[in-house]
Amino acid sequence: PEGTWITGRGWHQDKWTEKPEMTNGFPMHDLLSEAVPNHPVW
């Protein structure tokens, strides 16, 4: 349901075979926010 928190764990940018645009060596929220705009994601 929209508005429900979605939580997850385990991503590691140094293990990705494809690297996105990063800041300080980490991904930015834009791609995630665009794909999932109506659920708070952590």
PDB file of all heavy atoms in Angstrom:
ATOM      1  N   PRO A   1       0.825  -1.218   0.000  1.00  0.00           N
ATOM      2  CA  PRO A   1       0.000   0.000   0.000  1.00  0.00           C
ATOM      3  C   PRO A   1       0.856   1.264   0.000  1.00  0.00           C
ATOM      4  O   PRO A   1       1.881   1.323   0.684  1.00  0.00           O
ATOM      5  CB  PRO A   1      -0.817  -0.118   1.291  1.00  0.00           C
ATOM      6  CG  PRO A   1      -0.853  -1.583   1.583  1.00  0.00           C
ATOM      7  CD  PRO A   1       0.466  -2.123   1.112  1.00  0.00           C
ATOM      8  N   GLU A   2       0.437   2.266  -0.766  1.00  0.00           N
ATOM      9  CA  GLU A   2       1.177   3.529  -0.810  1.00  0.00           C
ATOM     10  C   GLU A   2       1.280   4.129   0.589  1.00  0.00           C
ATOM     11  O   GLU A   2       0.353   4.038   1.394  1.00  0.00           O
ATOM     12  CB  GLU A   2       0.486   4.517  -1.748  1.00  0.00           C
ATOM     13  CG  GLU A   2       0.608   4.144  -3.214  1.00  0.00           C
ATOM     14  CD  GLU A   2       0.118   5.256  -4.141  1.00  0.00           C
ATOM     15  OE1 GLU A   2      -0.303   6.315  -3.626  1.00  0.00           O
ATOM     16  OE2 GLU A   2       0.149   5.057  -5.366  1.00  0.00           O
ATOM     17  N   GLY A   3       2.433   4.751   0.838  1.00  0.00           N
ATOM     18  CA  GLY A   3       2.675   5.363   2.143  1.00  0.00           C
ATOM     19  C   GLY A   3       3.317   4.425   3.151  1.00  0.00           C
ATOM     20  O   GLY A   3       3.814   4.871   4.187  1.00  0.00           O
ATOM     21  N   THR A   4       3.315   3.118   2.836  1.00  0.00           N
ATOM     22  CA  THR A   4       3.935   2.136   3.731  1.00  0.00           C
ATOM     23  C   THR A   4       5.444   2.108   3.502  1.00  0.00           C
ATOM     24  O   THR A   4       5.907   2.124   2.362  1.00  0.00           O
ATOM     25  CB  THR A   4       3.363   0.731   3.475  1.00  0.00           C
ATOM     26  OG1 THR A   4       1.946   0.771   3.636  1.00  0.00           O
ATOM     27  CG2 THR A   4       3.958  -0.283   4.439  1.00  0.00           C
ATOM     28  N   TRP A   5       6.203   2.047   4.595  1.00  0.00           N
ATOM     29  CA  TRP A   5       7.655   1.993   4.482  1.00  0.00           C
ATOM     30  C   TRP A   5       8.089   0.681   3.840  1.00  0.00           C
ATOM     31  O   TRP A   5       7.569  -0.392   4.162  1.00  0.00           O
ATOM     32  CB  TRP A   5       8.314   2.119   5.855  1.00  0.00           C
ATOM     33  CG  TRP A   5       8.394   3.522   6.373  1.00  0.00           C
ATOM     34  CD1 TRP A   5       7.427   4.204   7.056  1.00  0.00           C
ATOM     35  CD2 TRP A   5       9.511   4.410   6.241  1.00  0.00           C
ATOM     36  NE1 TRP A   5       7.858   5.474   7.353  1.00  0.00           N
ATOM     37  CE2 TRP A   5       9.133   5.630   6.873  1.00  0.00           C
ATOM     38  CE3 TRP A   5      10.771   4.319   5.660  1.00  0.00           C
ATOM     39  CZ2 TRP A   5       9.985   6.727   6.937  1.00  0.00           C
ATOM     40  CZ3 TRP A   5      11.619   5.409   5.728  1.00  0.00           C
ATOM     41  CH2 TRP A   5      11.232   6.597   6.349  1.00  0.00           C
ATOM     42  N   ILE A   6       9.058   0.783   2.954  1.00  0.00           N
ATOM     43  CA  ILE A   6       9.720  -0.384   2.371  1.00  0.00           C
ATOM     44  C   ILE A   6      11.171  -0.354   2.820  1.00  0.00           C
ATOM     45  O   ILE A   6      11.875   0.635   2.605  1.00  0.00           O
ATOM     46  CB  ILE A   6       9.642  -0.377   0.835  1.00  0.00           C
ATOM     47  CG1 ILE A   6       8.182  -0.512   0.385  1.00  0.00           C
ATOM     48  CG2 ILE A   6      10.483  -1.508   0.243  1.00  0.00           C
ATOM     49  CD1 ILE A   6       8.003  -0.368  -1.110  1.00  0.00           C
ATOM     50  N   THR A   7      11.586  -1.423   3.475  1.00  0.00           N
ATOM     51  CA  THR A   7      12.959  -1.484   3.980  1.00  0.00           C
ATOM     52  C   THR A   7      13.686  -2.674   3.377  1.00  0.00           C
ATOM     53  O   THR A   7      13.086  -3.682   3.008  1.00  0.00           O
ATOM     54  CB  THR A   7      12.982  -1.597   5.517  1.00  0.00           C
ATOM     55  OG1 THR A   7      12.228  -2.747   5.921  1.00  0.00           O
ATOM     56  CG2 THR A   7      12.367  -0.360   6.163  1.00  0.00           C
ATOM     57  N   GLY A   8      14.987  -2.522   3.255  1.00  0.00           N
ATOM     58  CA  GLY A   8      15.808  -3.594   2.712  1.00  0.00           C
ATOM     59  C   GLY A   8      17.242  -3.430   3.171  1.00  0.00           C
ATOM     60  O   GLY A   8      17.595  -2.461   3.847  1.00  0.00           O
ATOM     61  N   ARG A   9      18.059  -4.399   2.808  1.00  0.00           N
ATOM     62  CA  ARG A   9      19.462  -4.351   3.219  1.00  0.00           C
ATOM     63  C   ARG A   9      20.293  -5.222   2.286  1.00  0.00           C
ATOM     64  O   ARG A   9      19.803  -6.176   1.687  1.00  0.00           O
ATOM     65  CB  ARG A   9      19.624  -4.857   4.650  1.00  0.00           C
ATOM     66  CG  ARG A   9      21.070  -4.843   5.135  1.00  0.00           C
ATOM     67  CD  ARG A   9      21.177  -5.107   6.609  1.00  0.00           C
ATOM     68  NE  ARG A   9      22.573  -5.093   7.034  1.00  0.00           N
ATOM     69  CZ  ARG A   9      22.985  -4.964   8.283  1.00  0.00           C
ATOM     70  NH1 ARG A   9      22.087  -4.852   9.257  1.00  0.00           N
ATOM     71  NH2 ARG A   9      24.258  -4.963   8.584  1.00  0.00           N
ATOM     72  N   GLY A  10      21.580  -4.843   2.163  1.00  0.00           N
ATOM     73  CA  GLY A  10      22.522  -5.727   1.496  1.00  0.00           C
ATOM     74  C   GLY A  10      23.219  -5.166   0.274  1.00  0.00           C
ATOM     75  O   GLY A  10      24.144  -5.793  -0.238  1.00  0.00           O
ATOM     76  N   TRP A  11      22.806  -3.978  -0.221  1.00  0.00           N
ATOM     77  CA  TRP A  11      23.463  -3.439  -1.418  1.00  0.00           C
ATOM     78  C   TRP A  11      24.889  -2.993  -1.086  1.00  0.00           C
ATOM     79  O   TRP A  11      25.184  -2.580   0.030  1.00  0.00           O
ATOM     80  CB  TRP A  11      22.663  -2.273  -2.001  1.00  0.00           C
ATOM     81  CG  TRP A  11      22.529  -1.071  -1.101  1.00  0.00           C
ATOM     82  CD1 TRP A  11      21.569  -0.847  -0.151  1.00  0.00           C
ATOM     83  CD2 TRP A  11      23.394   0.080  -1.071  1.00  0.00           C
ATOM     84  NE1 TRP A  11      21.771   0.366   0.467  1.00  0.00           N
ATOM     85  CE2 TRP A  11      22.880   0.957  -0.079  1.00  0.00           C
ATOM     86  CE3 TRP A  11      24.530   0.467  -1.776  1.00  0.00           C
ATOM     87  CZ2 TRP A  11      23.471   2.184   0.230  1.00  0.00           C
ATOM     88  CZ3 TRP A  11      25.132   1.686  -1.479  1.00  0.00           C
ATOM     89  CH2 TRP A  11      24.592   2.523  -0.484  1.00  0.00           C
ATOM     90  N   HIS A  12      25.762  -3.101  -2.066  1.00  0.00           N
ATOM     91  CA  HIS A  12      27.161  -2.686  -1.883  1.00  0.00           C
ATOM     92  C   HIS A  12      27.686  -2.204  -3.225  1.00  0.00           C
ATOM     93  O   HIS A  12      27.894  -2.999  -4.144  1.00  0.00           O
ATOM     94  CB  HIS A  12      28.002  -3.841  -1.365  1.00  0.00           C
ATOM     95  CG  HIS A  12      29.302  -3.418  -0.749  1.00  0.00           C
ATOM     96  ND1 HIS A  12      30.217  -2.620  -1.402  1.00  0.00           N
ATOM     97  CD2 HIS A  12      29.836  -3.658   0.483  1.00  0.00           C
ATOM     98  CE1 HIS A  12      31.251  -2.403  -0.622  1.00  0.00           C
ATOM     99  NE2 HIS A  12      31.046  -3.016   0.527  1.00  0.00           N
ATOM    100  N   GLN A  13      27.884  -0.904  -3.337  1.00  0.00           N
ATOM    101  CA  GLN A  13      28.233  -0.304  -4.624  1.00  0.00           C
ATOM    102  C   GLN A  13      29.549  -0.822  -5.193  1.00  0.00           C
ATOM    103  O   GLN A  13      29.733  -0.857  -6.418  1.00  0.00           O
ATOM    104  CB  GLN A  13      28.266   1.230  -4.502  1.00  0.00           C
ATOM    105  CG  GLN A  13      29.477   1.809  -3.790  1.00  0.00           C
ATOM    106  CD  GLN A  13      29.397   1.691  -2.278  1.00  0.00           C
ATOM    107  OE1 GLN A  13      28.507   1.062  -1.736  1.00  0.00           O
ATOM    108  NE2 GLN A  13      30.345   2.317  -1.591  1.00  0.00           N
ATOM    109  N   ASP A  14      30.471  -1.245  -4.324  1.00  0.00           N
ATOM    110  CA  ASP A  14      31.754  -1.735  -4.822  1.00  0.00           C
ATOM    111  C   ASP A  14      31.649  -3.135  -5.410  1.00  0.00           C
ATOM    112  O   ASP A  14      32.609  -3.631  -6.008  1.00  0.00           O
ATOM    113  CB  ASP A  14      32.801  -1.707  -3.704  1.00  0.00           C
ATOM    114  CG  ASP A  14      33.220  -0.281  -3.363  1.00  0.00           C
ATOM    115  OD1 ASP A  14      33.595   0.451  -4.286  1.00  0.00           O
ATOM    116  OD2 ASP A  14      33.155   0.104  -2.184  1.00  0.00           O
ATOM    117  N   LYS A  15      30.507  -3.789  -5.231  1.00  0.00           N
ATOM    118  CA  LYS A  15      30.305  -5.121  -5.801  1.00  0.00           C
ATOM    119  C   LYS A  15      29.466  -5.072  -7.082  1.00  0.00           C
ATOM    120  O   LYS A  15      29.238  -6.110  -7.703  1.00  0.00           O
ATOM    121  CB  LYS A  15      29.630  -6.039  -4.779  1.00  0.00           C
ATOM    122  CG  LYS A  15      30.461  -6.273  -3.523  1.00  0.00           C
ATOM    123  CD  LYS A  15      29.722  -7.173  -2.546  1.00  0.00           C
ATOM    124  CE  LYS A  15      30.519  -7.357  -1.266  1.00  0.00           C
ATOM    125  NZ  LYS A  15      29.800  -8.220  -0.294  1.00  0.00           N
ATOM    126  N   TRP A  16      28.996  -3.891  -7.442  1.00  0.00           N
ATOM    127  CA  TRP A  16      28.188  -3.778  -8.652  1.00  0.00           C
ATOM    128  C   TRP A  16      29.060  -3.885  -9.894  1.00  0.00           C
ATOM    129  O   TRP A  16      30.139  -3.288  -9.965  1.00  0.00           O
ATOM    130  CB  TRP A  16      27.430  -2.453  -8.666  1.00  0.00           C
ATOM    131  CG  TRP A  16      26.338  -2.359  -7.625  1.00  0.00           C
ATOM    132  CD1 TRP A  16      25.733  -3.388  -6.982  1.00  0.00           C
ATOM    133  CD2 TRP A  16      25.752  -1.159  -7.120  1.00  0.00           C
ATOM    134  NE1 TRP A  16      24.788  -2.906  -6.101  1.00  0.00           N
ATOM    135  CE2 TRP A  16      24.775  -1.541  -6.172  1.00  0.00           C
ATOM    136  CE3 TRP A  16      25.935   0.193  -7.385  1.00  0.00           C
ATOM    137  CZ2 TRP A  16      23.991  -0.609  -5.476  1.00  0.00           C
ATOM    138  CZ3 TRP A  16      25.167   1.129  -6.701  1.00  0.00           C
ATOM    139  CH2 TRP A  16      24.203   0.721  -5.757  1.00  0.00           C
ATOM    140  N   THR A  17      28.570  -4.598 -10.870  1.00  0.00           N
ATOM    141  CA  THR A  17      29.303  -4.711 -12.136  1.00  0.00           C
ATOM    142  C   THR A  17      29.027  -3.517 -13.038  1.00  0.00           C
ATOM    143  O   THR A  17      29.808  -3.222 -13.939  1.00  0.00           O
ATOM    144  CB  THR A  17      28.921  -6.008 -12.867  1.00  0.00           C
ATOM    145  OG1 THR A  17      27.493  -6.056 -13.038  1.00  0.00           O
ATOM    146  CG2 THR A  17      29.359  -7.219 -12.059  1.00  0.00           C
ATOM    147  N   GLU A  18      27.896  -2.848 -12.800  1.00  0.00           N
ATOM    148  CA  GLU A  18      27.573  -1.619 -13.520  1.00  0.00           C
ATOM    149  C   GLU A  18      27.458  -0.497 -12.506  1.00  0.00           C
ATOM    150  O   GLU A  18      26.678  -0.584 -11.564  1.00  0.00           O
ATOM    151  CB  GLU A  18      26.245  -1.772 -14.281  1.00  0.00           C
ATOM    152  CG  GLU A  18      26.253  -2.881 -15.318  1.00  0.00           C
ATOM    153  CD  GLU A  18      24.888  -3.055 -15.953  1.00  0.00           C
ATOM    154  OE1 GLU A  18      24.074  -2.094 -15.896  1.00  0.00           O
ATOM    155  OE2 GLU A  18      24.614  -4.140 -16.482  1.00  0.00           O
ATOM    156  N   LYS A  19      28.218   0.565 -12.695  1.00  0.00           N
ATOM    157  CA  LYS A  19      28.255   1.656 -11.737  1.00  0.00           C
ATOM    158  C   LYS A  19      27.453   2.860 -12.248  1.00  0.00           C
ATOM    159  O   LYS A  19      27.646   3.300 -13.378  1.00  0.00           O
ATOM    160  CB  LYS A  19      29.704   2.093 -11.475  1.00  0.00           C
ATOM    161  CG  LYS A  19      30.602   0.982 -10.930  1.00  0.00           C
ATOM    162  CD  LYS A  19      30.213   0.555  -9.542  1.00  0.00           C
ATOM    163  CE  LYS A  19      31.073  -0.585  -9.035  1.00  0.00           C
ATOM    164  NZ  LYS A  19      32.448  -0.194  -8.718  1.00  0.00           N
ATOM    165  N   PRO A  20      26.550   3.394 -11.408  1.00  0.00           N
ATOM    166  CA  PRO A  20      25.795   4.585 -11.806  1.00  0.00           C
ATOM    167  C   PRO A  20      26.609   5.843 -11.519  1.00  0.00           C
ATOM    168  O   PRO A  20      27.740   5.771 -11.019  1.00  0.00           O
ATOM    169  CB  PRO A  20      24.578   4.520 -10.884  1.00  0.00           C
ATOM    170  CG  PRO A  20      25.142   3.935  -9.617  1.00  0.00           C
ATOM    171  CD  PRO A  20      26.183   2.932 -10.061  1.00  0.00           C
ATOM    172  N   GLU A  21      26.042   6.983 -11.816  1.00  0.00           N
ATOM    173  CA  GLU A  21      26.656   8.245 -11.400  1.00  0.00           C
ATOM    174  C   GLU A  21      26.670   8.290  -9.873  1.00  0.00           C
ATOM    175  O   GLU A  21      25.675   7.975  -9.217  1.00  0.00           O
ATOM    176  CB  GLU A  21      25.857   9.433 -11.954  1.00  0.00           C
ATOM    177  CG  GLU A  21      26.441  10.784 -11.587  1.00  0.00           C
ATOM    178  CD  GLU A  21      25.591  11.935 -12.091  1.00  0.00           C
ATOM    179  OE1 GLU A  21      24.616  11.678 -12.820  1.00  0.00           O
ATOM    180  OE2 GLU A  21      25.899  13.093 -11.729  1.00  0.00           O
ATOM    181  N   MET A  22      27.800   8.662  -9.322  1.00  0.00           N
ATOM    182  CA  MET A  22      27.942   8.631  -7.875  1.00  0.00           C
ATOM    183  C   MET A  22      28.443   9.958  -7.333  1.00  0.00           C
ATOM    184  O   MET A  22      29.065  10.754  -8.035  1.00  0.00           O
ATOM    185  CB  MET A  22      28.905   7.515  -7.444  1.00  0.00           C
ATOM    186  CG  MET A  22      28.430   6.106  -7.783  1.00  0.00           C
ATOM    187  SD  MET A  22      29.228   4.889  -6.732  1.00  0.00           S
ATOM    188  CE  MET A  22      28.835   3.371  -7.599  1.00  0.00           C
ATOM    189  N   THR A  23      28.193  10.165  -6.040  1.00  0.00           N
ATOM    190  CA  THR A  23      28.750  11.290  -5.295  1.00  0.00           C
ATOM    191  C   THR A  23      29.438  10.725  -4.055  1.00  0.00           C
ATOM    192  O   THR A  23      28.831   9.942  -3.319  1.00  0.00           O
ATOM    193  CB  THR A  23      27.650  12.271  -4.862  1.00  0.00           C
ATOM    194  OG1 THR A  23      27.023  12.807  -6.035  1.00  0.00           O
ATOM    195  CG2 THR A  23      28.230  13.406  -4.030  1.00  0.00           C
ATOM    196  N   ASN A  24      30.690  11.074  -3.858  1.00  0.00           N
ATOM    197  CA  ASN A  24      31.482  10.539  -2.747  1.00  0.00           C
ATOM    198  C   ASN A  24      31.523   9.013  -2.764  1.00  0.00           C
ATOM    199  O   ASN A  24      31.580   8.364  -1.711  1.00  0.00           O
ATOM    200  CB  ASN A  24      30.934  11.025  -1.402  1.00  0.00           C
ATOM    201  CG  ASN A  24      31.063  12.517  -1.222  1.00  0.00           C
ATOM    202  OD1 ASN A  24      32.018  13.124  -1.711  1.00  0.00           O
ATOM    203  ND2 ASN A  24      30.113  13.126  -0.533  1.00  0.00           N
ATOM    204  N   GLY A  25      31.470   8.432  -3.968  1.00  0.00           N
ATOM    205  CA  GLY A  25      31.562   6.979  -4.084  1.00  0.00           C
ATOM    206  C   GLY A  25      30.269   6.239  -3.833  1.00  0.00           C
ATOM    207  O   GLY A  25      30.273   5.002  -3.772  1.00  0.00           O
ATOM    208  N   PHE A  26      29.159   6.941  -3.702  1.00  0.00           N
ATOM    209  CA  PHE A  26      27.871   6.309  -3.415  1.00  0.00           C
ATOM    210  C   PHE A  26      26.811   6.774  -4.407  1.00  0.00           C
ATOM    211  O   PHE A  26      26.887   7.879  -4.945  1.00  0.00           O
ATOM    212  CB  PHE A  26      27.413   6.640  -1.991  1.00  0.00           C
ATOM    213  CG  PHE A  26      28.135   5.869  -0.922  1.00  0.00           C
ATOM    214  CD1 PHE A  26      29.362   6.312  -0.434  1.00  0.00           C
ATOM    215  CD2 PHE A  26      27.600   4.708  -0.400  1.00  0.00           C
ATOM    216  CE1 PHE A  26      30.036   5.601   0.550  1.00  0.00           C
ATOM    217  CE2 PHE A  26      28.254   3.991   0.576  1.00  0.00           C
ATOM    218  CZ  PHE A  26      29.478   4.433   1.059  1.00  0.00           C
ATOM    219  N   PRO A  27      25.782   5.937  -4.628  1.00  0.00           N
ATOM    220  CA  PRO A  27      24.709   6.337  -5.541  1.00  0.00           C
ATOM    221  C   PRO A  27      23.859   7.447  -4.944  1.00  0.00           C
ATOM    222  O   PRO A  27      23.863   7.660  -3.723  1.00  0.00           O
ATOM    223  CB  PRO A  27      23.899   5.053  -5.707  1.00  0.00           C
ATOM    224  CG  PRO A  27      24.107   4.321  -4.427  1.00  0.00           C
ATOM    225  CD  PRO A  27      25.543   4.602  -4.051  1.00  0.00           C
ATOM    226  N   MET A  28      23.122   8.129  -5.785  1.00  0.00           N
ATOM    227  CA  MET A  28      22.194   9.167  -5.341  1.00  0.00           C
ATOM    228  C   MET A  28      20.764   8.629  -5.421  1.00  0.00           C
ATOM    229  O   MET A  28      20.479   7.666  -6.122  1.00  0.00           O
ATOM    230  CB  MET A  28      22.372  10.417  -6.188  1.00  0.00           C
ATOM    231  CG  MET A  28      23.755  11.057  -6.006  1.00  0.00           C
ATOM    232  SD  MET A  28      24.010  12.538  -7.009  1.00  0.00           S
ATOM    233  CE  MET A  28      24.214  11.804  -8.628  1.00  0.00           C
ATOM    234  N   HIS A  29      19.865   9.291  -4.713  1.00  0.00           N
ATOM    235  CA  HIS A  29      18.509   8.761  -4.569  1.00  0.00           C
ATOM    236  C   HIS A  29      17.634   8.932  -5.802  1.00  0.00           C
ATOM    237  O   HIS A  29      16.559   8.318  -5.895  1.00  0.00           O
ATOM    238  CB  HIS A  29      17.821   9.436  -3.384  1.00  0.00           C
ATOM    239  CG  HIS A  29      17.417  10.867  -3.647  1.00  0.00           C
ATOM    240  ND1 HIS A  29      16.225  11.204  -4.253  1.00  0.00           N
ATOM    241  CD2 HIS A  29      18.056  12.045  -3.389  1.00  0.00           C
ATOM    242  CE1 HIS A  29      16.133  12.518  -4.348  1.00  0.00           C
ATOM    243  NE2 HIS A  29      17.239  13.056  -3.837  1.00  0.00           N
ATOM    244  N   ASP A  30      18.026   9.736  -6.770  1.00  0.00           N
ATOM    245  CA  ASP A  30      17.125  10.137  -7.860  1.00  0.00           C
ATOM    246  C   ASP A  30      16.468   8.973  -8.592  1.00  0.00           C
ATOM    247  O   ASP A  30      15.250   8.967  -8.814  1.00  0.00           O
ATOM    248  CB  ASP A  30      17.896  11.020  -8.859  1.00  0.00           C
ATOM    249  CG  ASP A  30      18.535  12.232  -8.188  1.00  0.00           C
ATOM    250  OD1 ASP A  30      19.560  12.037  -7.494  1.00  0.00           O
ATOM    251  OD2 ASP A  30      18.008  13.347  -8.348  1.00  0.00           O
ATOM    252  N   LEU A  31      17.261   7.991  -9.012  1.00  0.00           N
ATOM    253  CA  LEU A  31      16.721   6.852  -9.747  1.00  0.00           C
ATOM    254  C   LEU A  31      15.704   6.088  -8.893  1.00  0.00           C
ATOM    255  O   LEU A  31      14.632   5.705  -9.373  1.00  0.00           O
ATOM    256  CB  LEU A  31      17.864   5.920 -10.173  1.00  0.00           C
ATOM    257  CG  LEU A  31      17.480   4.750 -11.083  1.00  0.00           C
ATOM    258  CD1 LEU A  31      16.980   5.250 -12.433  1.00  0.00           C
ATOM    259  CD2 LEU A  31      18.697   3.824 -11.283  1.00  0.00           C
ATOM    260  N   LEU A  32      16.023   5.899  -7.630  1.00  0.00           N
ATOM    261  CA  LEU A  32      15.119   5.204  -6.718  1.00  0.00           C
ATOM    262  C   LEU A  32      13.851   6.011  -6.484  1.00  0.00           C
ATOM    263  O   LEU A  32      12.734   5.465  -6.503  1.00  0.00           O
ATOM    264  CB  LEU A  32      15.839   4.939  -5.390  1.00  0.00           C
ATOM    265  CG  LEU A  32      15.041   4.269  -4.276  1.00  0.00           C
ATOM    266  CD1 LEU A  32      14.609   2.872  -4.688  1.00  0.00           C
ATOM    267  CD2 LEU A  32      15.881   4.208  -3.001  1.00  0.00           C
ATOM    268  N   SER A  33      14.002   7.314  -6.291  1.00  0.00           N
ATOM    269  CA  SER A  33      12.844   8.177  -6.017  1.00  0.00           C
ATOM    270  C   SER A  33      11.901   8.258  -7.212  1.00  0.00           C
ATOM    271  O   SER A  33      10.680   8.312  -7.052  1.00  0.00           O
ATOM    272  CB  SER A  33      13.321   9.577  -5.631  1.00  0.00           C
ATOM    273  OG  SER A  33      14.088   9.543  -4.447  1.00  0.00           O
ATOM    274  N   GLU A  34      12.469   8.243  -8.401  1.00  0.00           N
ATOM    275  CA  GLU A  34      11.639   8.285  -9.599  1.00  0.00           C
ATOM    276  C   GLU A  34      10.840   7.002  -9.765  1.00  0.00           C
ATOM    277  O   GLU A  34       9.661   7.019 -10.149  1.00  0.00           O
ATOM    278  CB  GLU A  34      12.527   8.520 -10.824  1.00  0.00           C
ATOM    279  CG  GLU A  34      11.751   8.621 -12.133  1.00  0.00           C
ATOM    280  CD  GLU A  34      12.653   8.875 -13.333  1.00  0.00           C
ATOM    281  OE1 GLU A  34      13.845   9.191 -13.125  1.00  0.00           O
ATOM    282  OE2 GLU A  34      12.176   8.738 -14.476  1.00  0.00           O
ATOM    283  N   ALA A  35      11.463   5.861  -9.473  1.00  0.00           N
ATOM    284  CA  ALA A  35      10.801   4.568  -9.650  1.00  0.00           C
ATOM    285  C   ALA A  35       9.788   4.286  -8.545  1.00  0.00           C
ATOM    286  O   ALA A  35       8.769   3.625  -8.781  1.00  0.00           O
ATOM    287  CB  ALA A  35      11.841   3.457  -9.694  1.00  0.00           C
ATOM    288  N   VAL A  36      10.076   4.782  -7.326  1.00  0.00           N
ATOM    289  CA  VAL A  36       9.197   4.517  -6.174  1.00  0.00           C
ATOM    290  C   VAL A  36       8.925   5.851  -5.468  1.00  0.00           C
ATOM    291  O   VAL A  36       9.547   6.175  -4.457  1.00  0.00           O
ATOM    292  CB  VAL A  36       9.847   3.510  -5.194  1.00  0.00           C
ATOM    293  CG1 VAL A  36       8.842   3.084  -4.125  1.00  0.00           C
ATOM    294  CG2 VAL A  36      10.373   2.293  -5.937  1.00  0.00           C
ATOM    295  N   PRO A  37       8.000   6.645  -5.995  1.00  0.00           N
ATOM    296  CA  PRO A  37       7.780   7.984  -5.453  1.00  0.00           C
ATOM    297  C   PRO A  37       6.822   8.050  -4.265  1.00  0.00           C
ATOM    298  O   PRO A  37       6.858   9.025  -3.506  1.00  0.00           O
ATOM    299  CB  PRO A  37       7.197   8.750  -6.650  1.00  0.00           C
ATOM    300  CG  PRO A  37       6.461   7.683  -7.422  1.00  0.00           C
ATOM    301  CD  PRO A  37       7.256   6.427  -7.251  1.00  0.00           C
ATOM    302  N   ASN A  38       5.975   7.047  -4.097  1.00  0.00           N
ATOM    303  CA  ASN A  38       4.891   7.155  -3.123  1.00  0.00           C
ATOM    304  C   ASN A  38       5.060   6.277  -1.888  1.00  0.00           C
ATOM    305  O   ASN A  38       4.160   6.191  -1.055  1.00  0.00           O
ATOM    306  CB  ASN A  38       3.557   6.820  -3.805  1.00  0.00           C
ATOM    307  CG  ASN A  38       3.262   7.769  -4.954  1.00  0.00           C
ATOM    308  OD1 ASN A  38       3.478   8.979  -4.845  1.00  0.00           O
ATOM    309  ND2 ASN A  38       2.800   7.222  -6.080  1.00  0.00           N
ATOM    310  N   HIS A  39       6.190   5.607  -1.782  1.00  0.00           N
ATOM    311  CA  HIS A  39       6.511   4.815  -0.593  1.00  0.00           C
ATOM    312  C   HIS A  39       7.820   5.347  -0.016  1.00  0.00           C
ATOM    313  O   HIS A  39       8.795   5.509  -0.768  1.00  0.00           O
ATOM    314  CB  HIS A  39       6.726   3.334  -0.928  1.00  0.00           C
ATOM    315  CG  HIS A  39       5.541   2.645  -1.511  1.00  0.00           C
ATOM    316  ND1 HIS A  39       5.134   2.839  -2.815  1.00  0.00           N
ATOM    317  CD2 HIS A  39       4.683   1.742  -0.969  1.00  0.00           C
ATOM    318  CE1 HIS A  39       4.080   2.080  -3.056  1.00  0.00           C
ATOM    319  NE2 HIS A  39       3.778   1.411  -1.953  1.00  0.00           N
ATOM    320  N   PRO A  40       7.886   5.601   1.283  1.00  0.00           N
ATOM    321  CA  PRO A  40       9.192   5.905   1.879  1.00  0.00           C
ATOM    322  C   PRO A  40      10.052   4.645   1.858  1.00  0.00           C
ATOM    323  O   PRO A  40       9.599   3.566   2.264  1.00  0.00           O
ATOM    324  CB  PRO A  40       8.859   6.342   3.307  1.00  0.00           C
ATOM    325  CG  PRO A  40       7.491   5.793   3.571  1.00  0.00           C
ATOM    326  CD  PRO A  40       6.790   5.670   2.263  1.00  0.00           C
ATOM    327  N   VAL A  41      11.272   4.766   1.342  1.00  0.00           N
ATOM    328  CA  VAL A  41      12.159   3.611   1.171  1.00  0.00           C
ATOM    329  C   VAL A  41      13.441   3.839   1.957  1.00  0.00           C
ATOM    330  O   VAL A  41      14.041   4.918   1.890  1.00  0.00           O
ATOM    331  CB  VAL A  41      12.498   3.394  -0.321  1.00  0.00           C
ATOM    332  CG1 VAL A  41      13.466   2.219  -0.483  1.00  0.00           C
ATOM    333  CG2 VAL A  41      11.227   3.150  -1.129  1.00  0.00           C
ATOM    334  N   TRP A  42      13.870   2.802   2.666  1.00  0.00           N
ATOM    335  CA  TRP A  42      15.095   2.872   3.468  1.00  0.00           C
ATOM    336  C   TRP A  42      15.885   1.587   3.235  1.00  0.00           C
ATOM    337  O   TRP A  42      15.442   0.500   3.595  1.00  0.00           O
ATOM    338  CB  TRP A  42      14.755   3.019   4.942  1.00  0.00           C
ATOM    339  CG  TRP A  42      15.931   3.224   5.844  1.00  0.00           C
ATOM    340  CD1 TRP A  42      16.388   2.371   6.799  1.00  0.00           C
ATOM    341  CD2 TRP A  42      16.792   4.373   5.908  1.00  0.00           C
ATOM    342  NE1 TRP A  42      17.482   2.905   7.450  1.00  0.00           N
ATOM    343  CE2 TRP A  42      17.743   4.145   6.914  1.00  0.00           C
ATOM    344  CE3 TRP A  42      16.845   5.575   5.199  1.00  0.00           C
ATOM    345  CZ2 TRP A  42      18.737   5.059   7.238  1.00  0.00           C
ATOM    346  CZ3 TRP A  42      17.847   6.495   5.520  1.00  0.00           C
ATOM    347  CH2 TRP A  42      18.761   6.236   6.526  1.00  0.00           C
TER     348      TRP A  42
END
